[in-house]
Protein backbone atom coordinates (compact mmCIF):
# COMPACT_ATOMS: atom_id res chain seq x y z
CA UNK A 1 118.25 78.82 65.49
CA UNK A 2 117.40 82.54 65.57
CA UNK A 3 114.05 83.65 66.61
CA UNK A 4 111.77 84.37 63.72
CA UNK A 5 112.04 88.17 62.90
CA UNK A 6 108.28 88.16 62.59
CA UNK A 7 108.00 87.27 66.34
CA UNK A 8 108.94 90.82 67.32
CA UNK A 9 105.38 91.91 65.99
CA UNK A 10 102.72 91.07 68.69
CA UNK A 11 100.68 88.16 67.56
CA UNK A 12 97.27 90.29 68.29
CA UNK A 13 98.50 93.27 66.15
CA UNK A 14 99.48 90.69 63.22
CA UNK A 15 96.11 89.07 63.58
CA UNK A 16 94.13 92.34 63.35
CA UNK A 17 96.00 93.62 60.44
CA UNK A 18 95.64 90.80 58.44
CA UNK A 19 91.89 90.41 59.46
CA UNK A 20 91.31 93.85 58.24
CA UNK A 21 92.98 92.99 54.86
CA UNK A 22 91.20 89.84 54.37
CA UNK A 23 87.79 91.54 55.30
CA UNK A 24 88.21 93.56 52.12
CA UNK A 25 87.39 90.47 50.26
CA UNK A 26 90.62 90.13 48.39
CA UNK A 27 91.55 86.51 47.53
CA UNK A 28 95.30 86.95 48.07
CA UNK A 29 98.04 89.25 48.67
CA UNK A 30 98.78 89.83 45.21
CA UNK A 31 95.69 91.31 44.46
CA UNK A 32 95.80 93.37 41.07
CA UNK A 33 98.79 91.14 39.87
CA UNK A 34 97.00 87.77 39.46
CA UNK A 35 93.44 86.54 39.07
CA UNK A 36 91.60 85.08 41.91
CA UNK A 37 92.80 81.53 41.31
CA UNK A 38 96.08 82.32 40.02
CA UNK A 39 96.78 81.73 36.12
CA UNK A 40 100.36 80.99 34.72
CA UNK A 41 103.10 79.47 36.77
CA UNK A 42 101.32 79.65 40.06
CA UNK A 43 98.23 77.91 38.98
CA UNK A 44 100.38 75.28 37.27
CA UNK A 45 102.33 74.67 40.34
CA UNK A 46 99.35 73.85 42.34
CA UNK A 47 97.15 72.07 39.85
CA UNK A 48 100.02 69.71 39.24
CA UNK A 49 100.04 69.10 42.86
CA UNK A 50 96.31 68.44 43.36
CA UNK A 51 96.02 66.14 40.30
CA UNK A 52 98.65 63.90 41.46
CA UNK A 53 97.10 63.18 44.79
CA UNK A 54 95.51 59.90 45.56
CA UNK A 55 91.77 59.21 45.66
CA UNK A 56 89.83 60.94 48.53
CA UNK A 57 92.97 62.76 49.61
CA UNK A 58 92.77 65.44 52.22
CA UNK A 59 94.93 68.68 51.92
CA UNK A 60 96.00 71.21 54.64
CA UNK A 61 96.21 74.90 53.68
CA UNK A 62 98.53 76.90 56.29
CA UNK A 63 98.27 80.58 56.55
CA UNK A 64 95.65 80.37 53.83
CA UNK A 65 94.26 84.10 53.87
CA UNK A 66 91.03 84.00 51.84
CA UNK A 67 91.64 80.61 50.39
CA UNK A 68 92.75 80.88 46.61
CA UNK A 69 94.36 77.35 46.94
CA UNK A 70 91.19 75.88 48.51
CA UNK A 71 89.07 77.36 45.92
CA UNK A 72 91.32 75.95 43.18
CA UNK A 73 91.47 72.65 44.78
CA UNK A 74 87.33 72.37 45.35
CA UNK A 75 86.73 73.79 41.67
CA UNK A 76 88.94 71.33 39.95
CA UNK A 77 86.81 69.60 37.58
CA UNK A 78 88.98 66.62 37.35
CA UNK A 79 89.14 65.90 41.11
CA UNK A 80 85.71 66.17 43.01
CA UNK A 81 87.03 63.66 45.50
CA UNK A 82 89.53 66.15 47.28
CA UNK A 83 88.89 67.77 50.61
CA UNK A 84 90.57 70.74 52.08
CA UNK A 85 91.11 72.16 55.45
CA UNK A 86 92.45 75.77 55.67
CA UNK A 87 93.64 77.69 58.69
CA UNK A 88 94.90 81.27 59.33
CA UNK A 89 95.83 83.44 62.15
CA UNK A 90 93.46 86.10 61.04
CA UNK A 91 89.65 86.15 61.53
CA UNK A 92 88.72 84.89 57.75
CA UNK A 93 85.27 84.61 56.12
CA UNK A 94 86.09 84.07 52.29
CA UNK A 95 83.12 85.39 50.28
CA UNK A 96 83.43 82.92 47.56
CA UNK A 97 82.28 80.23 49.60
CA UNK A 98 78.72 81.29 49.17
CA UNK A 99 78.92 80.88 45.41
CA UNK A 100 79.92 77.38 45.65
CA UNK A 101 77.76 74.48 44.81
CA UNK A 102 76.59 72.78 48.16
CA UNK A 103 78.74 69.43 47.33
CA UNK A 104 81.88 71.65 46.65
CA UNK A 105 81.24 73.82 49.87
CA UNK A 106 80.93 70.54 51.98
CA UNK A 107 84.58 69.50 50.81
CA UNK A 108 86.40 72.74 52.32
CA UNK A 109 86.60 73.93 55.92
CA UNK A 110 88.09 77.20 56.98
CA UNK A 111 89.34 77.94 60.69
CA UNK A 112 90.31 81.43 61.39
CA UNK A 113 92.26 82.42 64.49
CA UNK A 114 94.14 79.35 64.23
CA UNK A 115 97.80 79.49 64.71
CA UNK A 116 100.12 77.20 62.38
CA UNK A 117 101.98 76.46 65.60
CA UNK A 118 99.35 74.64 67.20
CA UNK A 119 97.11 72.86 64.81
CA UNK A 120 93.56 71.40 65.87
CA UNK A 121 93.90 68.16 63.90
CA UNK A 122 95.10 64.64 64.64
CA UNK A 123 98.33 63.14 63.74
CA UNK A 124 98.91 61.95 60.15
CA UNK A 125 95.66 63.55 58.96
CA UNK A 126 96.88 65.06 55.57
CA UNK A 127 98.13 63.53 52.34
CA UNK A 128 99.50 67.05 51.35
CA UNK A 129 100.34 70.04 53.35
CA UNK A 130 100.55 73.36 51.40
CA UNK A 131 101.28 77.05 52.07
CA UNK A 132 101.56 79.89 50.00
CA UNK A 133 103.57 82.89 51.30
CA UNK A 134 102.32 81.85 54.59
CA UNK A 135 104.48 79.19 56.67
CA UNK A 136 107.70 81.30 56.48
CA UNK A 137 105.66 83.88 58.67
CA UNK A 138 105.41 81.38 61.51
CA UNK A 139 107.56 80.53 64.29
CA UNK A 140 109.19 77.60 62.44
CA UNK A 141 110.59 76.09 65.51
CA UNK A 142 106.99 75.23 66.44
CA UNK A 143 105.24 75.24 63.00
CA UNK A 144 107.38 72.75 61.35
CA UNK A 145 107.14 69.94 63.92
CA UNK A 146 103.09 70.63 63.96
CA UNK A 147 103.27 70.51 60.17
CA UNK A 148 105.24 66.95 60.12
CA UNK A 149 102.99 65.76 62.79
CA UNK A 150 99.63 66.12 60.89
CA UNK A 151 101.28 65.01 57.62
CA UNK A 152 100.49 61.12 56.71
CA UNK A 153 103.40 58.94 56.53
CA UNK A 154 103.40 58.85 52.47
CA UNK A 155 102.32 62.46 52.41
CA UNK A 156 103.85 65.41 50.52
CA UNK A 157 104.69 69.10 51.45
CA UNK A 158 104.45 71.73 48.73
CA UNK A 159 105.33 75.54 49.51
CA UNK A 160 105.61 78.71 47.65
CA UNK A 161 108.00 80.85 49.78
CA UNK A 162 108.99 84.63 49.49
CA UNK A 163 112.07 84.95 47.61
CA UNK A 164 114.32 87.90 48.30
CA UNK A 165 114.64 88.74 44.56
CA UNK A 166 111.03 88.68 43.81
CA UNK A 167 109.93 92.06 42.55
CA UNK A 168 107.17 92.79 45.29
CA UNK A 169 110.06 92.15 47.97
CA UNK A 170 112.48 94.49 46.21
CA UNK A 171 109.72 97.30 45.69
CA UNK A 172 108.63 97.09 49.35
CA UNK A 173 111.62 99.02 50.43
CA UNK A 174 110.58 102.13 48.35
CA UNK A 175 107.01 101.80 49.45
CA UNK A 176 107.99 101.55 53.23
CA UNK A 177 110.27 104.81 52.71
CA UNK A 178 107.10 106.71 51.10
CA UNK A 179 104.88 105.49 54.02
CA UNK A 180 107.28 106.76 56.63
CA UNK A 181 107.62 110.12 54.54
CA UNK A 182 103.68 110.28 54.64
CA UNK A 183 103.37 109.61 58.17
CA UNK A 184 106.36 111.41 59.47
CA UNK A 185 105.90 113.90 62.31
CA UNK A 186 104.68 117.17 60.69
CA UNK A 187 104.53 115.09 57.40
CA UNK A 188 101.86 114.89 54.75
CA UNK A 189 99.47 113.23 56.78
CA UNK A 190 99.81 115.42 59.91
CA UNK A 191 99.34 118.42 57.56
CA UNK A 192 96.19 116.93 56.07
CA UNK A 193 94.71 116.56 59.47
CA UNK A 194 95.49 120.02 60.57
CA UNK A 195 93.74 121.26 57.24
CA UNK A 196 90.43 119.65 58.57
CA UNK A 197 89.19 122.28 60.81
CA UNK A 198 89.87 125.19 58.31
CA UNK A 199 87.99 123.14 55.59
CA UNK A 200 85.10 122.40 57.76
CA UNK A 201 84.61 126.24 58.13
CA UNK A 202 84.96 126.45 54.49
CA UNK A 203 81.60 124.62 54.13
CA UNK A 204 79.55 127.73 55.07
CA UNK A 205 79.70 131.41 53.88
CA UNK A 206 80.19 132.63 57.40
CA UNK A 207 83.09 130.17 57.87
CA UNK A 208 84.81 131.37 54.66
CA UNK A 209 84.33 135.00 55.78
CA UNK A 210 86.26 134.07 59.00
CA UNK A 211 89.09 132.05 57.29
CA UNK A 212 89.79 135.29 55.01
CA UNK A 213 91.52 136.81 57.77
CA UNK A 214 92.95 133.82 59.79
CA UNK A 215 96.57 133.95 59.30
CA UNK A 216 96.88 130.48 61.30
CA UNK A 217 94.53 128.83 58.76
CA UNK A 218 96.54 130.43 55.85
CA UNK A 219 99.79 128.99 57.31
CA UNK A 220 98.19 125.39 57.56
CA UNK A 221 97.03 125.57 54.06
CA UNK A 222 100.41 126.79 52.84
CA UNK A 223 102.09 123.91 54.71
CA UNK A 224 99.80 121.33 53.07
CA UNK A 225 100.38 122.96 49.62
CA UNK A 226 104.17 122.69 49.91
CA UNK A 227 104.02 118.84 51.02
CA UNK A 228 101.57 118.48 48.22
CA UNK A 229 104.38 119.66 45.91
CA UNK A 230 106.89 117.45 47.53
CA UNK A 231 104.49 114.40 47.10
CA UNK A 232 104.27 115.23 43.39
CA UNK A 233 108.05 115.41 43.22
CA UNK A 234 108.31 111.99 44.70
CA UNK A 235 105.78 110.56 42.37
CA UNK A 236 107.76 112.12 39.37
CA UNK A 237 110.80 109.95 40.43
CA UNK A 238 108.75 106.71 39.59
CA UNK A 239 109.91 104.51 42.39
CA UNK A 240 106.69 102.83 43.39
CA UNK A 241 104.62 105.82 43.41
CA UNK A 242 101.13 104.10 43.57
CA UNK A 243 100.83 104.51 47.43
CA UNK A 244 101.68 108.31 47.09
CA UNK A 245 99.12 108.80 44.44
CA UNK A 246 96.29 106.62 46.30
CA UNK A 247 96.98 108.64 49.39
CA UNK A 248 96.87 111.94 47.80
CA UNK A 249 93.42 110.93 46.20
CA UNK A 250 91.92 109.78 49.51
CA UNK A 251 93.11 112.96 51.19
CA UNK A 252 91.37 114.78 48.49
CA UNK A 253 88.14 112.84 49.19
CA UNK A 254 88.55 113.37 52.93
CA UNK A 255 89.01 117.21 52.31
CA UNK A 256 85.76 117.15 50.16
CA UNK A 257 83.89 115.25 52.92
CA UNK A 258 85.02 117.56 55.54
CA UNK A 259 83.76 120.46 53.75
CA UNK A 260 80.29 118.78 53.17
CA UNK A 261 79.90 117.10 56.41
CA UNK A 262 82.00 118.77 59.01
CA UNK A 263 85.22 118.13 60.89
CA UNK A 264 84.23 115.09 62.92
CA UNK A 265 83.35 113.08 59.63
CA UNK A 266 86.96 114.19 58.20
CA UNK A 267 88.70 113.08 61.29
CA UNK A 268 87.17 109.76 61.26
CA UNK A 269 88.10 109.38 57.39
CA UNK A 270 91.44 110.41 58.05
CA UNK A 271 91.98 108.04 61.09
CA UNK A 272 90.80 105.23 58.74
CA UNK A 273 93.47 106.09 56.05
CA UNK A 274 96.01 106.41 58.80
CA UNK A 275 95.21 102.70 60.01
CA UNK A 276 95.23 101.58 56.28
CA UNK A 277 98.82 103.06 55.98
CA UNK A 278 99.89 101.51 59.11
CA UNK A 279 98.62 98.06 58.24
CA UNK A 280 100.04 98.07 54.76
CA UNK A 281 103.59 99.20 56.33
CA UNK A 282 103.34 96.17 58.66
CA UNK A 283 102.47 93.62 55.77
CA UNK A 284 105.32 95.06 53.69
CA UNK A 285 107.81 94.99 56.50
CA UNK A 286 106.95 91.31 57.35
CA UNK A 287 107.14 90.65 53.45
CA UNK A 288 110.97 91.77 53.62
CA UNK A 289 111.59 90.19 56.81
CA UNK A 290 110.73 86.81 55.76
CA UNK A 291 111.92 86.94 52.18
CA UNK A 292 114.52 84.12 51.84
CA UNK A 293 117.78 83.56 50.11
CA UNK A 294 118.44 80.08 49.07
CA UNK A 295 120.39 79.02 51.90
CA UNK A 296 117.32 79.89 54.13
CA UNK A 297 114.81 78.17 51.73
CA UNK A 298 117.27 75.02 51.55
CA UNK A 299 117.30 75.10 55.45
CA UNK A 300 113.70 74.91 55.74
CA UNK A 301 113.58 72.03 53.29
CA UNK A 302 115.95 70.13 55.20
CA UNK A 303 113.83 70.59 58.28
CA UNK A 304 111.23 69.00 56.52
CA UNK A 305 113.02 66.13 55.20
CA UNK A 306 116.01 65.70 57.27
CA UNK A 307 118.13 65.31 54.29
CA UNK A 308 118.96 66.86 50.96
CA UNK A 309 116.15 64.88 49.23
CA UNK A 310 113.75 67.76 48.25
CA UNK A 311 112.95 69.94 45.21
CA UNK A 312 113.99 73.78 45.37
CA UNK A 313 113.62 76.21 42.53
CA UNK A 314 112.66 79.77 41.85
CA UNK A 315 109.13 80.03 40.32
CA UNK A 316 109.21 82.31 37.56
CA UNK A 317 106.59 83.86 35.51
CA UNK A 318 106.44 86.49 33.00
CA UNK A 319 110.11 86.92 33.56
CA UNK A 320 109.64 87.78 37.00
CA UNK A 321 110.82 85.45 40.21
CA UNK A 322 107.55 84.78 42.17
CA UNK A 323 109.05 82.73 44.95
CA UNK A 324 110.82 79.66 46.06
CA UNK A 325 109.02 76.32 44.83
CA UNK A 326 109.69 73.84 47.34
CA UNK A 327 108.41 70.29 47.27
CA UNK A 328 109.37 67.39 49.97
CA UNK A 329 108.34 63.93 50.87
CA UNK A 330 106.88 62.97 54.27
CA UNK A 331 108.57 60.57 56.64
CA UNK A 332 112.11 62.03 57.21
CA UNK A 333 111.64 65.40 58.58
CA UNK A 334 113.38 66.28 61.91
CA UNK A 335 111.80 69.51 62.55
CA UNK A 336 114.62 71.45 64.38
CA UNK A 337 117.96 71.46 62.44
CA UNK A 338 120.50 73.95 63.90
């Protein structure tokens, strides 16, 4: 089977990128679109799976992020018997753990810097293995056999996978195009960085006097203004303009900071913004790389079951496809189908 395209990204780069993202405290990768524990179709999908588990069942959440599934499981009032282990390649420390009652906290265990391809659990440990927009990011030639190894003989697998027709996947191409424009050589971010030295001078009367006759500084300012106008034209087209508006706002803040605190403070802030853009681009590229059509999702399902005996359907909420909902029984998987 072809190598997973994500493996082109160095594991350390991926780990650091997602660690920075989860350190912001967001519960999941759809922050702003769904609440912390997922309402609607996503919440129903997972609640149905958890409520159907046998008494004292143990659940494994793969590529868990900040743990919305674990949170949902341990806070289900009907099932105080369930336990959850959750693993992620990133360095994770979900902030909501501190808000749990002690008896709830005792039922969930997070392991950061833990690869799905090498799980630290004995064989046949879990009655249910779940993953939400996560397993497909792994090296499936290694992670699927590991998943099957730790799954109990009577266990189940339930996954929510990226769907090629999901709205975030379709919009990601536009967002990546905007990010590439922003960070191109002599592009908007370069122009903003070049503006910092003149703006630092503008913080004092003496500096402003020197700037008045500085033709180089005038050219830098005019270049930035031209790109500001181009940025506005892109926003006016209305194709995923949020990243453009956010960067414009943050650059304005950086310029204000530079005037007040000097060039070093401004350069530190613009570097942080550039890192955020690079991280976001990597996440979007990986989202597109791992979105599945029906044939790819079915191939993964057959890996898990060794047969055509599985459930696979688009999960839809508010008229939009969220992903592939995949359910499969344990005991028939073969891990590595061609």
